[in-house]
N, C-alpha and C. Protein backbone atom coordinates (compact mmCIF):
# COMPACT_ATOMS: atom_id res chain seq x y z
N MET A 1 8.25 26.48 19.48
CA MET A 1 8.34 25.93 20.83
C MET A 1 7.48 24.67 20.90
N THR A 2 8.03 23.64 21.50
CA THR A 2 7.27 22.41 21.64
C THR A 2 6.77 22.21 23.05
N ASP A 3 7.38 22.85 24.02
CA ASP A 3 6.95 22.71 25.41
C ASP A 3 5.74 23.61 25.64
N GLU A 4 4.63 23.01 26.05
CA GLU A 4 3.38 23.75 26.20
C GLU A 4 3.48 24.83 27.29
N ALA A 5 4.27 24.59 28.35
CA ALA A 5 4.43 25.60 29.40
C ALA A 5 5.11 26.85 28.85
N ASP A 6 6.13 26.67 28.01
CA ASP A 6 6.81 27.82 27.41
C ASP A 6 5.87 28.56 26.47
N ARG A 7 5.06 27.80 25.72
CA ARG A 7 4.11 28.45 24.81
C ARG A 7 3.08 29.26 25.60
N ALA A 8 2.61 28.71 26.72
CA ALA A 8 1.63 29.43 27.52
C ALA A 8 2.24 30.70 28.13
N MET A 9 3.50 30.60 28.55
CA MET A 9 4.16 31.78 29.13
C MET A 9 4.38 32.85 28.06
N ALA A 10 4.64 32.44 26.84
CA ALA A 10 4.84 33.41 25.75
C ALA A 10 3.56 34.15 25.43
N ARG A 11 2.41 33.52 25.69
CA ARG A 11 1.11 34.14 25.41
C ARG A 11 0.60 34.99 26.58
N LEU A 12 1.27 34.92 27.69
CA LEU A 12 0.85 35.65 28.88
C LEU A 12 0.93 37.15 28.62
N VAL A 13 -0.15 37.84 28.93
CA VAL A 13 -0.16 39.29 28.71
C VAL A 13 0.86 39.95 29.65
N SER A 14 1.37 41.07 29.24
CA SER A 14 2.49 41.70 29.94
C SER A 14 2.15 42.12 31.38
N GLN A 15 0.90 42.44 31.65
CA GLN A 15 0.56 42.90 33.01
C GLN A 15 0.68 41.79 34.05
N PHE A 16 0.67 40.48 33.59
CA PHE A 16 0.80 39.37 34.55
C PHE A 16 2.20 38.76 34.57
N ARG A 17 3.08 39.23 33.71
CA ARG A 17 4.44 38.70 33.71
C ARG A 17 5.18 39.18 34.95
N GLY A 18 5.99 38.26 35.48
CA GLY A 18 6.76 38.58 36.68
C GLY A 18 6.00 38.28 37.96
N ARG A 19 4.74 37.95 37.88
CA ARG A 19 3.97 37.56 39.07
C ARG A 19 4.12 36.06 39.24
N GLU A 20 4.86 35.69 40.28
CA GLU A 20 5.26 34.30 40.49
C GLU A 20 4.10 33.34 40.59
N ARG A 21 3.09 33.66 41.33
CA ARG A 21 1.97 32.73 41.54
C ARG A 21 1.18 32.49 40.25
N ILE A 22 0.96 33.54 39.50
CA ILE A 22 0.23 33.39 38.24
C ILE A 22 1.07 32.56 37.26
N GLU A 23 2.36 32.85 37.16
CA GLU A 23 3.23 32.09 36.27
C GLU A 23 3.30 30.62 36.70
N LEU A 24 3.38 30.37 38.01
CA LEU A 24 3.41 28.99 38.52
C LEU A 24 2.12 28.27 38.17
N LEU A 25 0.98 28.92 38.35
CA LEU A 25 -0.31 28.31 38.02
C LEU A 25 -0.40 27.98 36.52
N ILE A 26 0.04 28.89 35.70
CA ILE A 26 0.00 28.65 34.24
C ILE A 26 0.93 27.50 33.87
N ARG A 27 2.12 27.44 34.45
CA ARG A 27 3.06 26.34 34.15
C ARG A 27 2.48 25.00 34.62
N LEU A 28 1.85 24.96 35.77
CA LEU A 28 1.26 23.71 36.28
C LEU A 28 0.14 23.21 35.36
N LEU A 29 -0.72 24.13 34.94
CA LEU A 29 -1.81 23.75 34.05
C LEU A 29 -1.28 23.27 32.69
N ALA A 30 -0.28 23.98 32.19
CA ALA A 30 0.29 23.60 30.89
C ALA A 30 1.03 22.26 30.99
N ASP A 31 1.71 22.01 32.09
CA ASP A 31 2.39 20.73 32.27
C ASP A 31 1.41 19.56 32.32
N GLU A 32 0.23 19.80 32.87
CA GLU A 32 -0.81 18.75 32.90
C GLU A 32 -1.34 18.44 31.51
N ALA A 33 -1.36 19.45 30.63
CA ALA A 33 -1.88 19.26 29.28
C ALA A 33 -0.83 18.67 28.34
N GLN A 34 0.47 18.75 28.71
CA GLN A 34 1.54 18.34 27.82
C GLN A 34 1.42 16.88 27.32
N PRO A 35 1.18 15.88 28.19
CA PRO A 35 1.08 14.50 27.69
C PRO A 35 -0.04 14.30 26.67
N ALA A 36 -1.17 14.94 26.92
CA ALA A 36 -2.29 14.82 25.98
C ALA A 36 -1.94 15.47 24.65
N LEU A 37 -1.29 16.61 24.68
CA LEU A 37 -0.90 17.29 23.45
C LEU A 37 0.17 16.51 22.69
N ASP A 38 1.11 15.87 23.42
CA ASP A 38 2.12 15.03 22.76
C ASP A 38 1.46 13.86 22.05
N ALA A 39 0.50 13.22 22.72
CA ALA A 39 -0.22 12.10 22.11
C ALA A 39 -1.00 12.55 20.88
N PHE A 40 -1.61 13.71 20.96
CA PHE A 40 -2.36 14.25 19.83
C PHE A 40 -1.44 14.51 18.63
N GLU A 41 -0.27 15.09 18.88
CA GLU A 41 0.69 15.35 17.80
C GLU A 41 1.17 14.04 17.17
N ASP A 42 1.36 13.01 18.00
CA ASP A 42 1.78 11.71 17.48
C ASP A 42 0.70 11.11 16.59
N ILE A 43 -0.54 11.22 17.01
CA ILE A 43 -1.66 10.71 16.22
C ILE A 43 -1.76 11.48 14.90
N LYS A 44 -1.62 12.79 14.97
CA LYS A 44 -1.67 13.61 13.77
C LYS A 44 -0.58 13.23 12.78
N ALA A 45 0.62 12.98 13.30
CA ALA A 45 1.74 12.65 12.44
C ALA A 45 1.61 11.25 11.83
N LYS A 46 0.96 10.32 12.51
CA LYS A 46 0.92 8.93 12.05
C LYS A 46 -0.40 8.54 11.40
N ARG A 47 -1.32 9.47 11.22
CA ARG A 47 -2.62 9.07 10.69
C ARG A 47 -2.65 9.01 9.17
N SER A 48 -1.69 9.61 8.50
CA SER A 48 -1.69 9.55 7.04
C SER A 48 -1.12 8.21 6.60
N LEU A 49 -1.53 7.76 5.44
CA LEU A 49 -1.05 6.48 4.92
C LEU A 49 0.46 6.50 4.70
N VAL A 50 1.01 7.65 4.43
CA VAL A 50 2.44 7.74 4.17
C VAL A 50 3.25 7.44 5.42
N ASP A 51 2.77 7.90 6.58
CA ASP A 51 3.53 7.78 7.83
C ASP A 51 3.02 6.70 8.78
N ALA A 52 1.84 6.18 8.55
CA ALA A 52 1.24 5.22 9.49
C ALA A 52 2.06 3.94 9.57
N GLU A 53 2.06 3.35 10.76
CA GLU A 53 2.77 2.09 11.00
C GLU A 53 1.91 1.20 11.87
N GLY A 54 2.13 -0.10 11.76
CA GLY A 54 1.54 -1.08 12.65
C GLY A 54 0.05 -0.92 12.88
N ALA A 55 -0.30 -0.59 14.13
CA ALA A 55 -1.71 -0.50 14.53
C ALA A 55 -2.45 0.59 13.77
N GLN A 56 -1.75 1.68 13.43
CA GLN A 56 -2.41 2.74 12.66
C GLN A 56 -2.80 2.24 11.28
N LEU A 57 -1.92 1.47 10.63
CA LEU A 57 -2.26 0.90 9.33
C LEU A 57 -3.42 -0.09 9.46
N ASP A 58 -3.41 -0.88 10.53
CA ASP A 58 -4.50 -1.83 10.76
C ASP A 58 -5.84 -1.10 10.92
N ALA A 59 -5.81 0.04 11.61
CA ALA A 59 -7.04 0.81 11.80
C ALA A 59 -7.54 1.37 10.47
N ILE A 60 -6.63 1.85 9.62
CA ILE A 60 -7.02 2.35 8.30
C ILE A 60 -7.58 1.21 7.47
N GLY A 61 -6.93 0.03 7.54
CA GLY A 61 -7.42 -1.14 6.83
C GLY A 61 -8.80 -1.56 7.30
N ALA A 62 -9.06 -1.43 8.60
CA ALA A 62 -10.39 -1.76 9.14
C ALA A 62 -11.45 -0.81 8.59
N LEU A 63 -11.10 0.47 8.42
CA LEU A 63 -12.05 1.42 7.83
C LEU A 63 -12.41 1.02 6.41
N TYR A 64 -11.43 0.52 5.66
CA TYR A 64 -11.66 0.10 4.28
C TYR A 64 -12.18 -1.34 4.18
N ARG A 65 -12.24 -2.02 5.31
CA ARG A 65 -12.61 -3.45 5.34
C ARG A 65 -11.67 -4.26 4.45
N PHE A 66 -10.38 -3.97 4.60
CA PHE A 66 -9.33 -4.62 3.83
C PHE A 66 -8.25 -5.06 4.82
N PRO A 67 -8.34 -6.28 5.37
CA PRO A 67 -7.42 -6.71 6.42
C PRO A 67 -6.00 -6.92 5.93
N ARG A 68 -5.07 -6.88 6.87
CA ARG A 68 -3.64 -7.01 6.59
C ARG A 68 -3.28 -8.41 6.12
N ASP A 69 -3.83 -9.44 6.71
CA ASP A 69 -3.56 -10.84 6.36
C ASP A 69 -2.08 -11.17 6.36
N GLY A 70 -1.36 -10.72 7.37
CA GLY A 70 0.04 -11.07 7.54
C GLY A 70 1.03 -10.28 6.72
N LEU A 71 0.59 -9.28 5.98
CA LEU A 71 1.51 -8.48 5.16
C LEU A 71 2.33 -7.54 6.06
N LEU A 72 3.54 -7.27 5.64
CA LEU A 72 4.38 -6.30 6.32
C LEU A 72 3.87 -4.89 6.03
N ASP A 73 4.27 -3.93 6.85
CA ASP A 73 3.85 -2.54 6.64
C ASP A 73 4.19 -2.06 5.23
N ALA A 74 5.39 -2.40 4.75
CA ALA A 74 5.84 -1.95 3.43
C ALA A 74 5.00 -2.55 2.30
N GLU A 75 4.40 -3.72 2.53
CA GLU A 75 3.53 -4.34 1.53
C GLU A 75 2.09 -3.83 1.66
N TYR A 76 1.67 -3.64 2.90
CA TYR A 76 0.28 -3.27 3.20
C TYR A 76 -0.02 -1.82 2.82
N ARG A 77 0.95 -0.93 3.05
CA ARG A 77 0.74 0.51 2.79
C ARG A 77 0.37 0.79 1.34
N PRO A 78 1.10 0.27 0.32
CA PRO A 78 0.70 0.55 -1.07
C PRO A 78 -0.69 0.00 -1.41
N LEU A 79 -1.07 -1.12 -0.80
CA LEU A 79 -2.41 -1.65 -1.04
C LEU A 79 -3.47 -0.71 -0.48
N LEU A 80 -3.23 -0.17 0.71
CA LEU A 80 -4.20 0.76 1.29
C LEU A 80 -4.23 2.08 0.51
N GLN A 81 -3.07 2.51 0.02
CA GLN A 81 -3.05 3.71 -0.81
C GLN A 81 -3.83 3.47 -2.10
N ALA A 82 -3.70 2.28 -2.66
CA ALA A 82 -4.47 1.93 -3.85
C ALA A 82 -5.96 1.88 -3.53
N PHE A 83 -6.30 1.41 -2.34
CA PHE A 83 -7.70 1.37 -1.93
C PHE A 83 -8.26 2.79 -1.83
N ALA A 84 -7.43 3.73 -1.37
CA ALA A 84 -7.87 5.13 -1.30
C ALA A 84 -8.14 5.65 -2.71
N VAL A 85 -7.33 5.26 -3.69
CA VAL A 85 -7.57 5.64 -5.08
C VAL A 85 -8.86 4.98 -5.57
N LEU A 86 -9.05 3.72 -5.20
CA LEU A 86 -10.22 2.96 -5.61
C LEU A 86 -11.52 3.62 -5.15
N VAL A 87 -11.52 4.13 -3.94
CA VAL A 87 -12.72 4.73 -3.37
C VAL A 87 -13.20 5.91 -4.22
N SER A 88 -12.27 6.64 -4.82
CA SER A 88 -12.65 7.79 -5.63
C SER A 88 -12.77 7.45 -7.11
N SER A 89 -12.69 6.18 -7.44
CA SER A 89 -12.67 5.74 -8.83
C SER A 89 -14.06 5.51 -9.39
N ARG A 90 -14.14 5.57 -10.72
CA ARG A 90 -15.38 5.24 -11.42
C ARG A 90 -15.24 3.97 -12.24
N GLY A 91 -14.11 3.27 -12.06
CA GLY A 91 -13.89 2.02 -12.76
C GLY A 91 -13.41 2.17 -14.19
N ARG A 92 -12.99 3.36 -14.57
CA ARG A 92 -12.49 3.58 -15.92
C ARG A 92 -11.09 3.00 -16.04
N PRO A 93 -10.65 2.67 -17.27
CA PRO A 93 -9.32 2.09 -17.44
C PRO A 93 -8.20 2.93 -16.83
N GLN A 94 -8.25 4.25 -16.99
CA GLN A 94 -7.20 5.09 -16.43
C GLN A 94 -7.20 5.04 -14.90
N ASP A 95 -8.38 4.81 -14.28
CA ASP A 95 -8.44 4.66 -12.83
C ASP A 95 -7.77 3.36 -12.40
N LEU A 96 -8.00 2.29 -13.15
CA LEU A 96 -7.38 1.02 -12.83
C LEU A 96 -5.87 1.08 -12.98
N ILE A 97 -5.39 1.74 -14.02
CA ILE A 97 -3.94 1.90 -14.21
C ILE A 97 -3.34 2.68 -13.04
N ARG A 98 -4.01 3.76 -12.63
CA ARG A 98 -3.51 4.56 -11.50
C ARG A 98 -3.45 3.72 -10.22
N THR A 99 -4.45 2.88 -9.99
CA THR A 99 -4.46 2.00 -8.83
C THR A 99 -3.31 1.01 -8.91
N LEU A 100 -3.11 0.41 -10.08
CA LEU A 100 -2.03 -0.57 -10.25
C LEU A 100 -0.67 0.09 -10.06
N GLU A 101 -0.49 1.31 -10.55
CA GLU A 101 0.77 2.03 -10.34
C GLU A 101 1.01 2.29 -8.86
N THR A 102 -0.05 2.60 -8.12
CA THR A 102 0.07 2.84 -6.68
C THR A 102 0.49 1.56 -5.97
N MET A 103 -0.12 0.43 -6.33
CA MET A 103 0.22 -0.84 -5.69
C MET A 103 1.63 -1.28 -6.06
N ASP A 104 2.03 -1.04 -7.29
CA ASP A 104 3.36 -1.44 -7.75
C ASP A 104 4.44 -0.66 -7.00
N ASP A 105 4.16 0.57 -6.64
CA ASP A 105 5.04 1.40 -5.82
C ASP A 105 6.45 1.50 -6.42
N GLY A 106 6.53 1.59 -7.76
CA GLY A 106 7.81 1.75 -8.43
C GLY A 106 8.62 0.48 -8.59
N HIS A 107 8.05 -0.68 -8.24
CA HIS A 107 8.79 -1.95 -8.31
C HIS A 107 9.16 -2.32 -9.75
N ALA A 108 8.17 -2.41 -10.63
CA ALA A 108 8.42 -2.78 -12.04
C ALA A 108 7.42 -2.04 -12.92
N PRO A 109 7.54 -0.72 -13.04
CA PRO A 109 6.54 0.05 -13.78
C PRO A 109 6.43 -0.32 -15.26
N SER A 110 7.50 -0.85 -15.85
CA SER A 110 7.44 -1.21 -17.27
C SER A 110 6.58 -2.44 -17.52
N SER A 111 6.27 -3.21 -16.48
CA SER A 111 5.46 -4.42 -16.66
C SER A 111 3.96 -4.15 -16.52
N LEU A 112 3.58 -2.95 -16.14
CA LEU A 112 2.17 -2.63 -15.93
C LEU A 112 1.48 -2.39 -17.27
N ARG A 113 0.44 -3.14 -17.51
CA ARG A 113 -0.29 -3.02 -18.78
C ARG A 113 -1.78 -3.19 -18.54
N LEU A 114 -2.54 -2.56 -19.41
CA LEU A 114 -3.98 -2.77 -19.47
C LEU A 114 -4.33 -2.97 -20.94
N VAL A 115 -4.88 -4.13 -21.25
CA VAL A 115 -5.28 -4.45 -22.61
C VAL A 115 -6.79 -4.58 -22.62
N GLU A 116 -7.44 -3.72 -23.38
CA GLU A 116 -8.90 -3.76 -23.46
C GLU A 116 -9.32 -4.74 -24.55
N HIS A 117 -10.36 -5.51 -24.24
CA HIS A 117 -10.97 -6.44 -25.20
C HIS A 117 -12.43 -6.02 -25.34
N HIS A 118 -12.72 -5.43 -26.47
CA HIS A 118 -14.07 -4.91 -26.68
C HIS A 118 -15.03 -6.04 -26.96
N PRO A 119 -16.26 -5.98 -26.53
CA PRO A 119 -16.93 -4.79 -26.03
C PRO A 119 -16.79 -4.56 -24.53
N ALA A 120 -16.55 -5.60 -23.72
CA ALA A 120 -16.54 -5.37 -22.28
C ALA A 120 -15.58 -6.32 -21.57
N GLY A 121 -14.29 -6.16 -21.83
CA GLY A 121 -13.31 -7.00 -21.16
C GLY A 121 -11.97 -6.31 -21.08
N MET A 122 -11.18 -6.69 -20.10
CA MET A 122 -9.84 -6.13 -19.98
C MET A 122 -8.93 -7.11 -19.24
N ILE A 123 -7.66 -7.06 -19.61
CA ILE A 123 -6.62 -7.84 -18.96
C ILE A 123 -5.56 -6.86 -18.48
N MET A 124 -5.14 -7.02 -17.23
CA MET A 124 -4.07 -6.18 -16.68
C MET A 124 -2.91 -7.09 -16.30
N THR A 125 -1.68 -6.59 -16.45
CA THR A 125 -0.50 -7.37 -16.10
C THR A 125 0.43 -6.56 -15.21
N ALA A 126 1.19 -7.29 -14.39
CA ALA A 126 2.18 -6.68 -13.51
C ALA A 126 3.22 -7.72 -13.14
N THR A 127 4.30 -7.29 -12.53
CA THR A 127 5.34 -8.17 -12.03
C THR A 127 5.44 -7.97 -10.53
N VAL A 128 5.55 -9.08 -9.79
CA VAL A 128 5.72 -9.01 -8.34
C VAL A 128 7.07 -9.63 -7.99
N GLU A 129 7.51 -9.40 -6.77
CA GLU A 129 8.79 -9.97 -6.34
C GLU A 129 8.72 -11.49 -6.37
N ASP A 130 9.85 -12.12 -6.61
CA ASP A 130 9.92 -13.57 -6.72
C ASP A 130 9.34 -14.23 -5.47
N GLY A 131 8.35 -15.09 -5.68
CA GLY A 131 7.72 -15.83 -4.60
C GLY A 131 6.63 -15.09 -3.86
N ASP A 132 6.28 -13.89 -4.28
CA ASP A 132 5.29 -13.10 -3.55
C ASP A 132 3.90 -13.27 -4.16
N GLN A 133 3.46 -14.49 -4.22
CA GLN A 133 2.17 -14.83 -4.81
C GLN A 133 1.02 -14.15 -4.08
N ARG A 134 1.09 -14.12 -2.75
CA ARG A 134 0.01 -13.55 -1.94
C ARG A 134 -0.22 -12.07 -2.28
N TYR A 135 0.86 -11.32 -2.49
CA TYR A 135 0.73 -9.90 -2.83
C TYR A 135 0.07 -9.74 -4.20
N GLY A 136 0.47 -10.55 -5.16
CA GLY A 136 -0.14 -10.50 -6.48
C GLY A 136 -1.63 -10.81 -6.44
N GLU A 137 -2.01 -11.78 -5.61
CA GLU A 137 -3.43 -12.12 -5.48
C GLU A 137 -4.21 -10.97 -4.85
N LYS A 138 -3.62 -10.31 -3.86
CA LYS A 138 -4.29 -9.16 -3.24
C LYS A 138 -4.46 -8.02 -4.25
N MET A 139 -3.44 -7.81 -5.08
CA MET A 139 -3.54 -6.78 -6.12
C MET A 139 -4.72 -7.09 -7.04
N GLY A 140 -4.84 -8.34 -7.45
CA GLY A 140 -5.93 -8.74 -8.34
C GLY A 140 -7.29 -8.57 -7.70
N ARG A 141 -7.42 -8.94 -6.42
CA ARG A 141 -8.71 -8.79 -5.74
C ARG A 141 -9.11 -7.33 -5.62
N LEU A 142 -8.13 -6.48 -5.36
CA LEU A 142 -8.40 -5.05 -5.23
C LEU A 142 -8.82 -4.46 -6.57
N LEU A 143 -8.13 -4.82 -7.64
CA LEU A 143 -8.50 -4.32 -8.97
C LEU A 143 -9.87 -4.84 -9.40
N ARG A 144 -10.19 -6.06 -9.04
CA ARG A 144 -11.50 -6.63 -9.38
C ARG A 144 -12.63 -5.82 -8.73
N ARG A 145 -12.38 -5.31 -7.53
CA ARG A 145 -13.39 -4.46 -6.86
C ARG A 145 -13.61 -3.16 -7.61
N GLN A 146 -12.57 -2.68 -8.28
CA GLN A 146 -12.62 -1.37 -8.90
C GLN A 146 -13.22 -1.37 -10.30
N LYS A 147 -13.15 -2.46 -10.98
CA LYS A 147 -13.62 -2.48 -12.37
C LYS A 147 -15.10 -2.16 -12.44
N ALA A 148 -15.52 -1.67 -13.58
CA ALA A 148 -16.93 -1.33 -13.78
C ALA A 148 -17.77 -2.60 -13.82
N ALA A 149 -19.03 -2.48 -13.43
CA ALA A 149 -19.95 -3.62 -13.45
C ALA A 149 -20.14 -4.10 -14.88
N GLY A 150 -20.21 -5.40 -15.05
CA GLY A 150 -20.46 -5.97 -16.36
C GLY A 150 -19.23 -6.11 -17.23
N VAL A 151 -18.06 -5.78 -16.69
CA VAL A 151 -16.83 -5.88 -17.46
C VAL A 151 -16.09 -7.14 -17.02
N SER A 152 -15.70 -7.95 -18.00
CA SER A 152 -14.90 -9.14 -17.73
C SER A 152 -13.48 -8.69 -17.44
N PHE A 153 -12.89 -9.23 -16.36
CA PHE A 153 -11.59 -8.72 -15.92
C PHE A 153 -10.69 -9.88 -15.52
N VAL A 154 -9.43 -9.84 -15.97
CA VAL A 154 -8.41 -10.80 -15.57
C VAL A 154 -7.14 -10.03 -15.22
N PHE A 155 -6.55 -10.39 -14.08
CA PHE A 155 -5.28 -9.79 -13.68
C PHE A 155 -4.22 -10.89 -13.72
N LEU A 156 -3.17 -10.68 -14.50
CA LEU A 156 -2.07 -11.63 -14.64
C LEU A 156 -0.82 -11.03 -14.01
N PHE A 157 -0.13 -11.83 -13.19
CA PHE A 157 1.14 -11.36 -12.64
C PHE A 157 2.16 -12.48 -12.74
N GLN A 158 3.41 -12.07 -12.85
CA GLN A 158 4.51 -13.02 -12.89
C GLN A 158 5.60 -12.55 -11.95
N TYR A 159 6.52 -13.46 -11.65
CA TYR A 159 7.62 -13.13 -10.75
C TYR A 159 8.74 -12.45 -11.51
N ASP A 160 9.45 -11.54 -10.84
CA ASP A 160 10.57 -10.85 -11.47
C ASP A 160 11.87 -11.59 -11.16
N THR A 161 12.11 -12.62 -11.90
CA THR A 161 13.31 -13.42 -11.69
C THR A 161 13.98 -13.69 -13.03
N GLU A 162 15.27 -13.85 -12.98
CA GLU A 162 16.02 -14.21 -14.18
C GLU A 162 16.07 -15.72 -14.35
N ALA A 163 15.96 -16.46 -13.24
CA ALA A 163 16.06 -17.92 -13.29
C ALA A 163 14.75 -18.54 -13.77
N ASP A 164 14.87 -19.67 -14.45
CA ASP A 164 13.69 -20.41 -14.89
C ASP A 164 13.09 -21.17 -13.71
N HIS A 165 11.78 -21.18 -13.62
CA HIS A 165 11.10 -21.94 -12.58
C HIS A 165 10.81 -23.36 -13.01
N PHE A 166 10.74 -23.59 -14.31
CA PHE A 166 10.50 -24.93 -14.82
C PHE A 166 11.17 -25.08 -16.18
N VAL A 167 11.33 -26.33 -16.61
CA VAL A 167 11.98 -26.61 -17.89
C VAL A 167 11.14 -27.64 -18.64
N TRP A 168 10.88 -27.37 -19.91
CA TRP A 168 10.19 -28.32 -20.79
C TRP A 168 11.23 -29.10 -21.57
N SER A 169 10.93 -30.33 -21.82
CA SER A 169 11.81 -31.17 -22.62
C SER A 169 11.84 -30.65 -24.05
N GLY A 170 12.99 -30.80 -24.70
CA GLY A 170 13.12 -30.37 -26.08
C GLY A 170 12.38 -31.27 -27.05
N GLU A 171 12.03 -32.46 -26.62
CA GLU A 171 11.31 -33.42 -27.46
C GLU A 171 9.81 -33.16 -27.37
N THR A 172 9.13 -33.17 -28.49
CA THR A 172 7.70 -32.94 -28.51
C THR A 172 6.96 -34.01 -27.72
N GLY A 173 6.07 -33.59 -26.86
CA GLY A 173 5.25 -34.51 -26.10
C GLY A 173 5.92 -35.12 -24.89
N GLU A 174 7.15 -34.78 -24.58
CA GLU A 174 7.88 -35.37 -23.46
C GLU A 174 7.51 -34.72 -22.12
N GLY A 175 7.06 -33.50 -22.12
CA GLY A 175 6.66 -32.83 -20.87
C GLY A 175 7.83 -32.19 -20.16
N TRP A 176 7.88 -32.38 -18.82
CA TRP A 176 8.89 -31.74 -17.98
C TRP A 176 10.26 -32.33 -18.24
N ALA A 177 11.29 -31.53 -18.02
CA ALA A 177 12.66 -31.99 -18.14
C ALA A 177 13.44 -31.58 -16.90
N GLU A 178 14.61 -32.15 -16.74
CA GLU A 178 15.49 -31.77 -15.64
C GLU A 178 16.06 -30.38 -15.92
N GLU A 179 16.37 -29.65 -14.87
CA GLU A 179 16.91 -28.30 -15.04
C GLU A 179 18.22 -28.30 -15.82
N THR A 180 18.96 -29.39 -15.75
CA THR A 180 20.26 -29.45 -16.41
C THR A 180 20.17 -29.90 -17.86
N ASP A 181 18.98 -30.21 -18.35
CA ASP A 181 18.81 -30.68 -19.73
C ASP A 181 19.11 -29.54 -20.70
N PRO A 182 20.17 -29.68 -21.53
CA PRO A 182 20.54 -28.58 -22.43
C PRO A 182 19.54 -28.37 -23.56
N SER A 183 18.72 -29.38 -23.89
CA SER A 183 17.77 -29.22 -24.98
C SER A 183 16.44 -28.64 -24.50
N GLY A 184 16.30 -28.49 -23.21
CA GLY A 184 15.02 -28.00 -22.66
C GLY A 184 14.87 -26.51 -22.77
N THR A 185 13.64 -26.06 -22.75
CA THR A 185 13.34 -24.64 -22.72
C THR A 185 12.61 -24.34 -21.43
N GLY A 186 12.92 -23.23 -20.81
CA GLY A 186 12.37 -22.92 -19.49
C GLY A 186 11.43 -21.74 -19.50
N GLY A 187 10.88 -21.50 -18.35
CA GLY A 187 9.97 -20.39 -18.20
C GLY A 187 9.77 -20.06 -16.74
N ILE A 188 9.00 -19.03 -16.47
CA ILE A 188 8.69 -18.65 -15.10
C ILE A 188 7.19 -18.79 -14.89
N TRP A 189 6.80 -18.98 -13.65
CA TRP A 189 5.38 -19.12 -13.32
C TRP A 189 4.70 -17.77 -13.40
N ALA A 190 3.49 -17.80 -13.87
CA ALA A 190 2.63 -16.62 -13.87
C ALA A 190 1.28 -17.07 -13.33
N GLU A 191 0.51 -16.15 -12.82
CA GLU A 191 -0.78 -16.51 -12.27
C GLU A 191 -1.82 -15.50 -12.69
N GLY A 192 -3.03 -15.95 -12.82
CA GLY A 192 -4.13 -15.06 -13.16
C GLY A 192 -5.16 -15.04 -12.06
N VAL A 193 -5.69 -13.87 -11.77
CA VAL A 193 -6.72 -13.71 -10.74
C VAL A 193 -7.92 -13.08 -11.39
């Protein structure tokens, strides 16, 4: 039962059932509590990172001191979920991989890598949607917070596109070429944080 008045009437002991004034009083009191209980249920349902939207996500981000910065809910939620993983992390490589998998949210799991450079360095790689530089930078900043102290860290990300973003001339030392140049070789932009 979702109606609080019906729930209250179901709990009424049998000796008071059928007494109109008592039942009316109980229904009036329960009806007054209904809006507050509905709001409470809504808060309960939307407080988890999985279900939170809009202002609820902003409030969770404020707790983590990790602002939205114009990201959509679908972009912001995996970052906050990764932050929740980060809070319980010790900065070990497997913790960083778990955080990166959370942020990737199934987008390109085959591109996620962690390469350790001994004695104290690591490089992580991922792929982001074409043109989503801001999300890649946020991923890098979050991972940088998680790494262990004294460890050199670089996060590299590239766009997931089939098209070339630039073309090099086929001639040595010529530099950039036109996209239509058949002798040119192309590539996509990547960035490191």
